[in-house]
Amino acid sequence: MRRSQRMVALTTALAAATAPLLAIASPAVAEPAKTTAIHTTNQNLPLDWLSLDALSGTQLLQKVKQLLGKGYVPAALSVTNAANPQYSSVWVKDTTRKVNVLQGLSATNLQKTVAEQLKAGFRPAMITGTGTGANAVFAVVFEQVKGLAKSELSLTKETFTKVNAELTAAGYSLASLDVYGTVEKPLYAAVWIVGAATGTVQVTLGQTVEQRGQELLAKAKQGLHPVLMAVEPGKLYTTVWSKTGTAGKEYLSLSRLGYAAKATQMKVLGYRPAILDTEGGVFAAIWRKG
């Protein structure tokens, strides 16, 4: 049954931490799959950051209203399970810029919304999607900031590679990247902006946990670190690598409960999630100090 689409637009004078997040360099760690339940990391405000996972659209709307009102903005946003969308996010305290947060969008609605937001002075900064065809569901963060930006949906692997090369040559770099669709036909949703990253940028697509771990070690020898990461259908991983950023720790193939437990553990150690993505019940995150 096709789910009715729902869209929520929230605007406030707050900052969106939407440029590529700080890079991490450490061996990938996989956790076996576990039976999970919806969990929200409970933290007393005000904090520098907080993590929310597996929220319904209604629950997300409530939290967005609360957090935007208290001066927080999303540093990461991910949706999974198109039939019953679940949203996970990381929020940081920042009150310097203006953002819009929208969720429950179809591909058609999102394309129209991007055009409308651009006219209003907001450019796409973060796009996440899940599902396939007419039932695909998207969430997006827009930021009111000067500068050129381009966004694309429904790109095949071959088309994404071509478009990314063309835009990179034109002075753009990836600011957001997510993978949805199916194992047989993964689709890419991406945002490119001028000045999102500096230096060498490389992208690896469709890697298993083992391949991803080997890639991390190889890239580290080149001085490259993950700045963006997406969990693909089929527990595969797409990663954007750059020489920008700082070292940290990453954990792949976490369950929801595993992610919540790891977030608590890492918080005690002084780390916060800098990159977070989820698809098909699989969580992957990178933490950095600060």
Protein backbone atom coordinates (compact mmCIF):
# COMPACT_ATOMS: atom_id res chain seq x y z
CA MET A 1 0.00 0.00 0.00
CA ARG A 2 1.37 3.38 -0.94
CA ARG A 3 1.96 5.55 2.06
CA SER A 4 0.42 9.04 2.05
CA GLN A 5 3.15 11.65 1.89
CA ARG A 6 3.66 14.07 4.71
CA MET A 7 5.81 17.19 4.66
CA VAL A 8 6.84 19.41 7.50
CA ALA A 9 8.79 22.63 7.02
CA LEU A 10 10.36 24.28 10.01
CA THR A 11 12.35 27.48 9.79
CA THR A 12 14.41 29.17 12.48
CA ALA A 13 17.52 31.31 12.77
CA LEU A 14 19.85 28.46 13.57
CA ALA A 15 22.97 26.88 12.15
CA ALA A 16 23.05 23.75 10.04
CA ALA A 17 26.25 21.79 10.39
CA THR A 18 25.92 20.71 6.82
CA ALA A 19 29.35 20.91 5.22
CA PRO A 20 31.10 17.54 5.13
CA LEU A 21 31.72 16.45 8.67
CA LEU A 22 35.18 16.02 10.13
CA ALA A 23 37.08 13.03 8.85
CA ILE A 24 37.95 9.97 10.88
CA ALA A 25 40.74 7.43 10.54
CA SER A 26 40.59 4.14 12.44
CA PRO A 27 39.93 0.47 11.59
CA ALA A 28 36.29 -0.41 10.86
CA VAL A 29 34.55 -2.51 13.49
CA ALA A 30 31.53 -4.67 12.73
CA GLU A 31 28.91 -5.79 15.24
CA PRO A 32 26.70 -8.85 14.61
CA ALA A 33 23.05 -8.06 13.93
CA LYS A 34 20.76 -8.06 16.97
CA THR A 35 17.05 -7.90 17.66
CA THR A 36 16.33 -4.24 18.22
CA ALA A 37 13.65 -1.89 19.46
CA ILE A 38 13.01 1.79 18.84
CA HIS A 39 15.27 3.80 21.10
CA THR A 40 15.85 7.46 21.72
CA THR A 41 19.03 8.55 23.44
CA ASN A 42 17.77 10.52 26.42
CA GLN A 43 19.96 13.45 27.31
CA ASN A 44 19.19 16.50 29.41
CA LEU A 45 19.41 19.83 27.58
CA PRO A 46 21.39 21.98 27.12
CA LEU A 47 24.22 19.88 25.72
CA ASP A 48 26.73 20.44 22.95
CA TRP A 49 25.13 17.55 21.03
CA LEU A 50 22.58 14.78 21.28
CA SER A 51 21.62 11.71 19.26
CA LEU A 52 18.09 10.55 18.40
CA ASP A 53 17.40 7.26 16.68
CA ALA A 54 14.45 5.33 15.22
CA LEU A 55 11.86 8.12 15.52
CA SER A 56 8.63 8.05 13.54
CA GLY A 57 7.75 11.08 11.43
CA THR A 58 5.47 12.37 14.19
CA GLN A 59 8.12 11.85 16.86
CA LEU A 60 10.71 13.57 14.68
CA LEU A 61 8.41 16.55 14.17
CA GLN A 62 8.01 16.92 17.93
CA LYS A 63 11.75 16.71 18.53
CA VAL A 64 12.56 19.10 15.68
CA LYS A 65 10.24 21.73 17.13
CA GLN A 66 11.81 21.30 20.55
CA LEU A 67 15.42 21.25 19.41
CA LEU A 68 15.21 24.10 16.92
CA GLY A 69 13.59 26.16 19.64
CA LYS A 70 16.51 25.43 21.97
CA GLY A 71 19.20 26.32 19.45
CA TYR A 72 20.10 22.92 18.00
CA VAL A 73 20.49 21.95 14.34
CA PRO A 74 20.94 18.57 12.62
CA ALA A 75 24.52 17.54 11.92
CA ALA A 76 23.34 14.19 10.55
CA LEU A 77 19.95 12.93 9.38
CA SER A 78 19.04 9.48 8.05
CA VAL A 79 15.75 7.77 7.15
CA THR A 80 15.13 4.05 6.71
CA ASN A 81 12.14 1.73 6.07
CA ALA A 82 9.93 3.45 3.48
CA ALA A 83 6.83 1.50 4.55
CA ASN A 84 7.12 2.89 8.08
CA PRO A 85 9.79 5.62 8.00
CA GLN A 86 12.18 5.78 10.93
CA TYR A 87 14.45 8.80 11.33
CA SER A 88 17.81 8.94 13.11
CA SER A 89 19.75 12.14 13.65
CA VAL A 90 22.55 13.92 15.46
CA TRP A 91 21.98 17.48 16.68
CA VAL A 92 24.55 20.10 17.66
CA LYS A 93 24.21 23.37 19.52
CA ASP A 94 24.62 26.23 17.04
CA THR A 95 22.64 29.45 16.73
CA THR A 96 24.29 31.28 13.86
CA ARG A 97 22.42 30.24 10.72
CA LYS A 98 18.95 29.64 9.37
CA VAL A 99 17.71 26.18 8.36
CA ASN A 100 14.61 24.38 7.13
CA VAL A 101 14.03 20.72 8.00
CA LEU A 102 11.57 18.72 5.88
CA GLN A 103 10.61 15.04 6.06
CA GLY A 104 8.16 12.56 4.56
CA LEU A 105 8.79 13.75 1.01
CA SER A 106 8.30 11.81 -2.20
CA ALA A 107 10.79 12.26 -5.04
CA THR A 108 8.30 14.49 -6.85
CA ASN A 109 7.63 16.61 -3.76
CA LEU A 110 11.32 16.93 -3.06
CA GLN A 111 12.16 18.17 -6.53
CA LYS A 112 9.44 20.82 -6.29
CA THR A 113 10.53 21.75 -2.79
CA VAL A 114 14.16 22.20 -3.82
CA ALA A 115 13.07 24.68 -6.48
CA GLU A 116 10.86 26.56 -4.00
CA GLN A 117 13.57 26.67 -1.34
CA LEU A 118 16.15 27.95 -3.79
CA LYS A 119 13.84 30.83 -4.70
CA ALA A 120 13.51 31.60 -0.99
CA GLY A 121 17.28 31.69 -0.55
CA PHE A 122 17.73 28.23 0.95
CA ARG A 123 19.98 25.66 -0.69
CA PRO A 124 19.91 21.89 -0.06
CA ALA A 125 22.57 20.85 2.39
CA MET A 126 21.67 17.30 3.41
CA ILE A 127 19.44 14.70 1.69
CA THR A 128 18.57 11.20 2.93
CA GLY A 129 16.34 8.63 1.27
CA THR A 130 14.97 5.10 1.60
CA GLY A 131 12.82 2.78 -0.50
CA THR A 132 12.38 2.71 -4.25
CA GLY A 133 10.06 3.92 -7.00
CA ALA A 134 6.97 5.92 -6.11
CA ASN A 135 7.20 4.73 -2.50
CA ALA A 136 10.65 6.17 -1.83
CA VAL A 137 10.75 8.56 1.12
CA PHE A 138 13.15 11.47 1.63
CA ALA A 139 14.12 13.97 4.29
CA VAL A 140 16.17 17.08 3.66
CA VAL A 141 17.87 19.94 5.46
CA PHE A 142 18.07 23.31 3.70
CA GLU A 143 20.41 26.10 4.75
CA GLN A 144 20.05 29.81 4.10
CA VAL A 145 23.56 30.61 2.96
CA LYS A 146 25.16 32.17 -0.08
CA GLY A 147 26.91 29.98 -2.59
CA LEU A 148 26.12 27.60 -5.41
CA ALA A 149 24.64 24.17 -4.80
CA LYS A 150 23.35 21.34 -6.96
CA SER A 151 21.33 18.30 -5.90
CA GLU A 152 20.35 15.10 -7.70
CA LEU A 153 18.12 12.10 -6.94
CA SER A 154 17.72 8.64 -8.47
CA LEU A 155 21.23 8.45 -9.87
CA THR A 156 22.50 5.01 -10.81
CA LYS A 157 26.06 4.11 -9.87
CA GLU A 158 27.28 4.89 -13.37
CA THR A 159 25.36 8.17 -13.61
CA PHE A 160 26.48 9.27 -10.15
CA THR A 161 30.12 8.62 -11.03
CA LYS A 162 29.77 10.67 -14.23
CA VAL A 163 27.90 13.57 -12.61
CA ASN A 164 30.31 13.67 -9.68
CA ALA A 165 33.30 13.87 -12.02
CA GLU A 166 31.69 16.65 -14.06
CA LEU A 167 30.73 18.73 -11.02
CA THR A 168 34.11 18.20 -9.38
CA ALA A 169 35.77 19.53 -12.51
CA ALA A 170 33.44 22.53 -12.34
CA GLY A 171 34.56 23.37 -8.79
CA TYR A 172 31.86 21.59 -6.77
CA SER A 173 32.42 18.97 -4.10
CA LEU A 174 30.15 16.55 -2.29
CA ALA A 175 28.39 17.92 0.79
CA SER A 176 25.83 15.12 1.24
CA LEU A 177 25.50 11.58 -0.13
CA ASP A 178 22.97 8.83 0.59
CA VAL A 179 22.10 5.52 -1.07
CA TYR A 180 18.60 4.02 -1.30
CA GLY A 181 16.74 1.79 -3.76
CA THR A 182 17.50 -1.95 -3.79
CA VAL A 183 20.52 -4.23 -3.63
CA GLU A 184 20.13 -4.91 -7.36
CA LYS A 185 19.68 -1.24 -8.21
CA PRO A 186 21.13 1.17 -5.66
CA LEU A 187 20.22 4.82 -6.24
CA TYR A 188 22.17 7.86 -5.12
CA ALA A 189 20.92 11.16 -3.69
CA ALA A 190 23.61 13.80 -3.45
CA VAL A 191 24.30 17.48 -2.84
CA TRP A 192 27.31 19.29 -4.25
CA ILE A 193 28.34 22.77 -3.17
CA VAL A 194 31.23 25.05 -4.02
CA GLY A 195 33.93 24.72 -1.39
CA ALA A 196 32.51 21.76 0.54
CA ALA A 197 35.92 20.09 0.74
CA THR A 198 39.48 20.87 -0.22
CA GLY A 199 42.28 18.77 -1.62
CA THR A 200 41.99 15.25 -2.98
CA VAL A 201 38.49 13.74 -2.77
CA GLN A 202 37.78 10.12 -3.64
CA VAL A 203 34.57 8.05 -3.54
CA THR A 204 34.25 4.29 -3.02
CA LEU A 205 30.91 2.57 -3.74
CA GLY A 206 29.22 -0.68 -2.73
CA GLN A 207 31.82 -2.12 -0.36
CA THR A 208 31.24 -4.88 2.18
CA VAL A 209 32.27 -4.37 5.79
CA GLU A 210 35.49 -6.28 5.14
CA GLN A 211 36.30 -4.31 1.98
CA ARG A 212 35.46 -1.08 3.76
CA GLY A 213 37.85 -1.90 6.60
CA GLN A 214 40.68 -2.63 4.17
CA GLU A 215 39.87 0.56 2.26
CA LEU A 216 40.09 2.61 5.44
CA LEU A 217 43.60 1.38 6.13
CA ALA A 218 44.71 1.94 2.52
CA LYS A 219 43.24 5.44 2.39
CA ALA A 220 44.81 6.36 5.73
CA LYS A 221 48.25 5.67 4.22
CA GLN A 222 47.38 8.27 1.58
CA GLY A 223 46.30 10.77 4.23
CA LEU A 224 42.63 10.37 3.29
CA HIS A 225 39.80 10.06 5.83
CA PRO A 226 36.01 9.52 5.61
CA VAL A 227 34.06 12.79 5.39
CA LEU A 228 30.75 11.27 4.25
CA MET A 229 29.43 7.72 4.55
CA ALA A 230 26.20 5.95 3.56
CA VAL A 231 24.86 2.49 4.34
CA GLU A 232 23.50 0.96 1.13
CA PRO A 233 20.77 -1.68 0.81
CA GLY A 234 22.39 -5.08 1.35
CA LYS A 235 24.70 -3.85 4.15
CA LEU A 236 27.14 -2.24 1.74
CA TYR A 237 28.95 1.06 2.21
CA THR A 238 29.63 4.15 0.14
CA THR A 239 32.29 6.54 1.44
CA VAL A 240 33.67 9.93 0.46
CA TRP A 241 37.33 10.39 1.38
CA SER A 242 39.29 13.61 1.81
CA LYS A 243 42.46 14.93 3.44
CA THR A 244 40.43 17.32 5.56
CA GLY A 245 39.34 16.45 9.09
CA THR A 246 40.67 14.85 12.25
CA ALA A 247 41.09 11.31 13.56
CA GLY A 248 38.39 9.43 15.40
CA LYS A 249 36.71 6.02 15.68
CA GLU A 250 34.17 4.30 13.44
CA TYR A 251 31.82 1.37 13.98
CA LEU A 252 29.93 -0.35 11.16
CA SER A 253 27.06 -2.89 11.13
CA LEU A 254 25.64 -1.79 14.46
CA SER A 255 22.08 -2.62 15.48
CA ARG A 256 19.89 0.15 16.85
CA LEU A 257 20.55 -0.95 20.41
CA GLY A 258 24.21 -1.41 19.57
CA TYR A 259 24.40 2.13 18.25
CA ALA A 260 22.66 3.52 21.34
CA ALA A 261 25.05 1.63 23.63
CA LYS A 262 28.06 2.72 21.61
CA ALA A 263 26.90 6.36 21.64
CA THR A 264 26.68 6.23 25.44
CA GLN A 265 30.11 4.62 25.71
CA MET A 266 31.74 7.07 23.32
CA LYS A 267 30.15 10.05 25.07
CA VAL A 268 31.84 9.01 28.31
CA LEU A 269 35.15 8.90 26.42
CA GLY A 270 34.63 12.42 25.10
CA TYR A 271 33.57 11.53 21.55
CA ARG A 272 30.46 12.56 19.65
CA PRO A 273 29.02 11.11 16.41
CA ALA A 274 30.28 13.16 13.46
CA ILE A 275 28.82 10.91 10.76
CA LEU A 276 25.73 8.72 11.10
CA ASP A 277 23.73 6.70 8.59
CA THR A 278 21.27 3.82 8.75
CA GLU A 279 19.54 1.57 6.23
CA GLY A 280 17.70 -1.73 6.64
CA GLY A 281 18.23 -1.90 10.40
CA VAL A 282 21.99 -1.34 10.07
CA PHE A 283 23.66 1.65 11.73
CA ALA A 284 27.11 2.99 10.92
CA ALA A 285 28.73 5.91 12.69
CA ILE A 286 32.01 7.74 13.06
CA TRP A 287 32.86 9.53 16.29
CA ARG A 288 35.37 12.29 16.86
CA LYS A 289 36.66 14.08 19.94
CA GLY A 290 34.99 17.29 21.03
